[in-house]
Amino acid sequence: MKLAGDLIPSVDSIPFDKLLIKLKNQNDATVSAVYGALNDYIKTSGIKAIIWDYRDFSASIAKSQALTDTIFSAVTLMVMILSFFSLISSMTANIYE
């Protein structure tokens, strides 16, 4: 490889920590098939690797997002109530003046 100054003879010998695979067809059957094929390849070749599947964490991510949405909605409601109280009190003060 020219960029490495002939230190790396081929693409196969490039060391890497992570490999991100994005499929064109992301339905569950295709993702499961690729996951299974990669898992089988890793087991048979003796490579030390971990496969991370986003589907394992999607439920907890959805729960966290719902909780965050609820918290922000509650905070927004409190701010609106405080703003309304401030508006009413300044209107009342201006009327009495």
N, C-alpha and C. Protein backbone atom coordinates (compact mmCIF):
# COMPACT_ATOMS: atom_id res chain seq x y z
N MET A 1 0.85 -1.17 0.00
CA MET A 1 0.00 0.00 0.00
C MET A 1 0.89 1.24 0.00
N LYS A 2 0.59 2.14 -0.89
CA LYS A 2 1.44 3.32 -1.03
C LYS A 2 1.37 4.26 0.18
N LEU A 3 0.18 4.42 0.76
CA LEU A 3 0.05 5.36 1.87
C LEU A 3 0.83 4.91 3.10
N ALA A 4 1.00 3.63 3.28
CA ALA A 4 1.71 3.12 4.46
C ALA A 4 3.20 2.97 4.19
N GLY A 5 3.64 3.32 3.00
CA GLY A 5 5.07 3.21 2.71
C GLY A 5 5.54 1.78 2.68
N ASP A 6 4.76 0.88 2.12
CA ASP A 6 5.07 -0.54 2.01
C ASP A 6 5.21 -1.24 3.36
N LEU A 7 4.66 -0.66 4.43
CA LEU A 7 4.66 -1.32 5.74
C LEU A 7 3.55 -2.36 5.82
N ILE A 8 2.48 -2.14 5.08
CA ILE A 8 1.35 -3.07 5.08
C ILE A 8 1.27 -3.68 3.68
N PRO A 9 1.50 -4.98 3.55
CA PRO A 9 1.56 -5.60 2.22
C PRO A 9 0.21 -5.69 1.51
N SER A 10 -0.88 -5.87 2.26
CA SER A 10 -2.18 -6.00 1.60
C SER A 10 -3.27 -5.48 2.54
N VAL A 11 -4.45 -5.38 1.99
CA VAL A 11 -5.59 -4.92 2.79
C VAL A 11 -5.92 -5.92 3.88
N ASP A 12 -5.68 -7.18 3.65
CA ASP A 12 -6.00 -8.22 4.63
C ASP A 12 -5.17 -8.11 5.91
N SER A 13 -4.03 -7.48 5.84
CA SER A 13 -3.19 -7.40 7.03
C SER A 13 -3.30 -6.07 7.76
N ILE A 14 -4.32 -5.27 7.44
CA ILE A 14 -4.54 -4.02 8.16
C ILE A 14 -5.21 -4.34 9.49
N PRO A 15 -4.60 -3.96 10.59
CA PRO A 15 -5.25 -4.21 11.89
C PRO A 15 -6.38 -3.19 12.12
N PHE A 16 -7.47 -3.66 12.68
CA PHE A 16 -8.57 -2.75 13.02
C PHE A 16 -9.26 -3.23 14.28
N ASP A 17 -9.88 -2.27 14.97
CA ASP A 17 -10.56 -2.57 16.22
C ASP A 17 -12.05 -2.81 16.02
N LYS A 18 -12.66 -2.06 15.09
CA LYS A 18 -14.10 -2.15 14.91
C LYS A 18 -14.43 -2.25 13.44
N LEU A 19 -15.50 -2.95 13.17
CA LEU A 19 -16.02 -3.06 11.81
C LEU A 19 -17.51 -2.81 11.87
N LEU A 20 -17.95 -1.77 11.20
CA LEU A 20 -19.36 -1.41 11.17
C LEU A 20 -19.95 -1.88 9.86
N ILE A 21 -21.02 -2.66 9.95
CA ILE A 21 -21.68 -3.18 8.76
C ILE A 21 -23.08 -2.60 8.70
N LYS A 22 -23.38 -1.92 7.60
CA LYS A 22 -24.72 -1.38 7.40
C LYS A 22 -25.31 -2.07 6.18
N LEU A 23 -26.43 -2.73 6.38
CA LEU A 23 -27.06 -3.48 5.31
C LEU A 23 -28.05 -2.61 4.55
N LYS A 24 -28.17 -2.86 3.24
CA LYS A 24 -29.16 -2.14 2.46
C LYS A 24 -30.57 -2.56 2.87
N ASN A 25 -30.76 -3.85 3.05
CA ASN A 25 -32.06 -4.39 3.46
C ASN A 25 -31.95 -4.72 4.94
N GLN A 26 -32.57 -3.90 5.80
CA GLN A 26 -32.37 -4.05 7.24
C GLN A 26 -33.55 -4.71 7.93
N ASN A 27 -34.22 -5.62 7.25
CA ASN A 27 -35.30 -6.34 7.95
C ASN A 27 -34.67 -7.39 8.88
N ASP A 28 -35.47 -7.90 9.79
CA ASP A 28 -34.95 -8.80 10.82
C ASP A 28 -34.36 -10.09 10.25
N ALA A 29 -34.96 -10.60 9.19
CA ALA A 29 -34.46 -11.85 8.62
C ALA A 29 -33.06 -11.68 8.05
N THR A 30 -32.84 -10.58 7.33
CA THR A 30 -31.53 -10.34 6.74
C THR A 30 -30.47 -10.09 7.81
N VAL A 31 -30.82 -9.28 8.79
CA VAL A 31 -29.88 -8.98 9.87
C VAL A 31 -29.55 -10.25 10.65
N SER A 32 -30.55 -11.08 10.91
CA SER A 32 -30.31 -12.35 11.62
C SER A 32 -29.43 -13.29 10.81
N ALA A 33 -29.63 -13.32 9.49
CA ALA A 33 -28.81 -14.18 8.63
C ALA A 33 -27.35 -13.73 8.64
N VAL A 34 -27.12 -12.43 8.52
CA VAL A 34 -25.75 -11.91 8.53
C VAL A 34 -25.13 -12.11 9.91
N TYR A 35 -25.90 -11.87 10.96
CA TYR A 35 -25.42 -12.07 12.32
C TYR A 35 -25.00 -13.53 12.53
N GLY A 36 -25.85 -14.45 12.09
CA GLY A 36 -25.53 -15.87 12.22
C GLY A 36 -24.31 -16.27 11.42
N ALA A 37 -24.19 -15.76 10.19
CA ALA A 37 -23.04 -16.09 9.36
C ALA A 37 -21.74 -15.56 9.97
N LEU A 38 -21.77 -14.33 10.46
CA LEU A 38 -20.58 -13.78 11.10
C LEU A 38 -20.23 -14.53 12.38
N ASN A 39 -21.24 -14.88 13.15
CA ASN A 39 -21.01 -15.61 14.38
C ASN A 39 -20.39 -16.98 14.10
N ASP A 40 -20.90 -17.68 13.09
CA ASP A 40 -20.34 -18.97 12.70
C ASP A 40 -18.90 -18.84 12.23
N TYR A 41 -18.64 -17.81 11.42
CA TYR A 41 -17.28 -17.59 10.91
C TYR A 41 -16.31 -17.31 12.05
N ILE A 42 -16.73 -16.51 13.00
CA ILE A 42 -15.86 -16.19 14.13
C ILE A 42 -15.57 -17.43 14.96
N LYS A 43 -16.58 -18.27 15.17
CA LYS A 43 -16.39 -19.50 15.95
C LYS A 43 -15.47 -20.48 15.24
N THR A 44 -15.64 -20.64 13.94
CA THR A 44 -14.84 -21.64 13.21
C THR A 44 -13.41 -21.18 12.95
N SER A 45 -13.20 -19.86 12.81
CA SER A 45 -11.85 -19.39 12.49
C SER A 45 -11.01 -19.11 13.73
N GLY A 46 -11.61 -19.09 14.89
CA GLY A 46 -10.86 -18.86 16.12
C GLY A 46 -10.52 -17.39 16.37
N ILE A 47 -11.21 -16.50 15.70
CA ILE A 47 -10.98 -15.06 15.89
C ILE A 47 -11.63 -14.63 17.21
N LYS A 48 -10.92 -13.81 17.96
CA LYS A 48 -11.49 -13.25 19.18
C LYS A 48 -12.23 -11.97 18.81
N ALA A 49 -13.52 -12.06 18.74
CA ALA A 49 -14.33 -10.90 18.36
C ALA A 49 -15.67 -10.94 19.07
N ILE A 50 -16.26 -9.78 19.21
CA ILE A 50 -17.59 -9.64 19.82
C ILE A 50 -18.49 -8.99 18.78
N ILE A 51 -19.65 -9.57 18.60
CA ILE A 51 -20.63 -8.99 17.68
C ILE A 51 -21.65 -8.24 18.52
N TRP A 52 -21.80 -6.96 18.24
CA TRP A 52 -22.77 -6.12 18.94
C TRP A 52 -23.95 -5.90 18.01
N ASP A 53 -25.13 -6.24 18.48
CA ASP A 53 -26.34 -6.10 17.67
C ASP A 53 -27.22 -5.02 18.30
N TYR A 54 -27.57 -4.04 17.52
CA TYR A 54 -28.37 -2.92 18.04
C TYR A 54 -29.73 -3.38 18.52
N ARG A 55 -30.24 -4.48 17.99
CA ARG A 55 -31.56 -4.97 18.39
C ARG A 55 -31.59 -5.41 19.85
N ASP A 56 -30.43 -5.79 20.39
CA ASP A 56 -30.37 -6.18 21.80
C ASP A 56 -30.61 -5.00 22.73
N PHE A 57 -30.28 -3.81 22.26
CA PHE A 57 -30.38 -2.62 23.10
C PHE A 57 -31.51 -1.69 22.70
N SER A 58 -32.24 -2.01 21.65
CA SER A 58 -33.27 -1.08 21.15
C SER A 58 -34.41 -0.90 22.15
N ALA A 59 -34.76 -1.93 22.90
CA ALA A 59 -35.84 -1.80 23.89
C ALA A 59 -35.43 -0.87 25.03
N SER A 60 -34.21 -1.02 25.54
CA SER A 60 -33.77 -0.15 26.62
C SER A 60 -33.56 1.28 26.13
N ILE A 61 -33.14 1.44 24.89
CA ILE A 61 -32.99 2.78 24.33
C ILE A 61 -34.36 3.44 24.20
N ALA A 62 -35.36 2.69 23.77
CA ALA A 62 -36.72 3.24 23.64
C ALA A 62 -37.27 3.63 25.01
N LYS A 63 -37.01 2.81 26.06
CA LYS A 63 -37.46 3.16 27.40
C LYS A 63 -36.78 4.42 27.90
N SER A 64 -35.49 4.53 27.67
CA SER A 64 -34.74 5.72 28.09
C SER A 64 -35.24 6.96 27.37
N GLN A 65 -35.53 6.82 26.09
CA GLN A 65 -36.03 7.96 25.33
C GLN A 65 -37.42 8.38 25.81
N ALA A 66 -38.26 7.41 26.12
CA ALA A 66 -39.60 7.73 26.64
C ALA A 66 -39.50 8.44 27.99
N LEU A 67 -38.60 7.98 28.85
CA LEU A 67 -38.40 8.62 30.15
C LEU A 67 -37.88 10.04 29.99
N THR A 68 -36.92 10.23 29.10
CA THR A 68 -36.39 11.57 28.84
C THR A 68 -37.47 12.49 28.28
N ASP A 69 -38.29 11.98 27.37
CA ASP A 69 -39.39 12.79 26.83
C ASP A 69 -40.37 13.20 27.93
N THR A 70 -40.67 12.27 28.82
CA THR A 70 -41.59 12.57 29.93
C THR A 70 -41.01 13.64 30.85
N ILE A 71 -39.73 13.51 31.17
CA ILE A 71 -39.08 14.50 32.05
C ILE A 71 -39.09 15.88 31.40
N PHE A 72 -38.72 15.96 30.12
CA PHE A 72 -38.72 17.25 29.45
C PHE A 72 -40.13 17.83 29.31
N SER A 73 -41.12 16.99 29.12
CA SER A 73 -42.50 17.48 29.07
C SER A 73 -42.93 18.04 30.41
N ALA A 74 -42.56 17.36 31.49
CA ALA A 74 -42.91 17.86 32.83
C ALA A 74 -42.21 19.18 33.12
N VAL A 75 -40.96 19.28 32.76
CA VAL A 75 -40.21 20.53 32.98
C VAL A 75 -40.82 21.65 32.14
N THR A 76 -41.20 21.35 30.91
CA THR A 76 -41.84 22.36 30.06
C THR A 76 -43.15 22.82 30.66
N LEU A 77 -43.92 21.90 31.19
CA LEU A 77 -45.19 22.26 31.83
C LEU A 77 -44.96 23.16 33.04
N MET A 78 -43.97 22.83 33.87
CA MET A 78 -43.67 23.67 35.04
C MET A 78 -43.23 25.07 34.61
N VAL A 79 -42.42 25.16 33.58
CA VAL A 79 -41.97 26.47 33.09
C VAL A 79 -43.13 27.28 32.55
N MET A 80 -44.03 26.63 31.84
CA MET A 80 -45.21 27.33 31.32
C MET A 80 -46.10 27.83 32.45
N ILE A 81 -46.27 27.04 33.50
CA ILE A 81 -47.08 27.47 34.66
C ILE A 81 -46.42 28.65 35.36
N LEU A 82 -45.11 28.59 35.55
CA LEU A 82 -44.40 29.71 36.17
C LEU A 82 -44.47 30.97 35.30
N SER A 83 -44.36 30.80 34.01
CA SER A 83 -44.47 31.95 33.11
C SER A 83 -45.86 32.54 33.15
N PHE A 84 -46.87 31.69 33.21
CA PHE A 84 -48.24 32.19 33.29
C PHE A 84 -48.45 32.94 34.60
N PHE A 85 -47.93 32.41 35.71
CA PHE A 85 -48.04 33.09 37.00
C PHE A 85 -47.33 34.44 36.95
N SER A 86 -46.17 34.49 36.34
CA SER A 86 -45.43 35.76 36.21
C SER A 86 -46.22 36.75 35.36
N LEU A 87 -46.83 36.28 34.29
CA LEU A 87 -47.63 37.15 33.44
C LEU A 87 -48.83 37.71 34.19
N ILE A 88 -49.53 36.85 34.92
CA ILE A 88 -50.71 37.29 35.68
C ILE A 88 -50.31 38.30 36.75
N SER A 89 -49.22 38.04 37.49
CA SER A 89 -48.82 38.96 38.55
C SER A 89 -48.35 40.30 37.99
N SER A 90 -47.63 40.32 36.87
CA SER A 90 -47.23 41.61 36.32
C SER A 90 -48.41 42.35 35.71
N MET A 91 -49.38 41.63 35.14
CA MET A 91 -50.59 42.29 34.64
C MET A 91 -51.36 42.91 35.80
N THR A 92 -51.49 42.17 36.90
CA THR A 92 -52.21 42.68 38.05
C THR A 92 -51.50 43.89 38.63
N ALA A 93 -50.19 43.86 38.70
CA ALA A 93 -49.42 45.00 39.21
C ALA A 93 -49.60 46.21 38.30
N ASN A 94 -49.63 46.01 37.01
CA ASN A 94 -49.82 47.13 36.08
C ASN A 94 -51.23 47.69 36.15
N ILE A 95 -52.22 46.85 36.41
CA ILE A 95 -53.60 47.32 36.52
C ILE A 95 -53.75 48.18 37.77
N TYR A 96 -53.14 47.76 38.89
CA TYR A 96 -53.26 48.52 40.13
C TYR A 96 -52.51 49.84 40.08
N GLU A 97 -51.51 49.97 39.22
CA GLU A 97 -50.77 51.22 39.10
C GLU A 97 -51.61 52.14 38.31
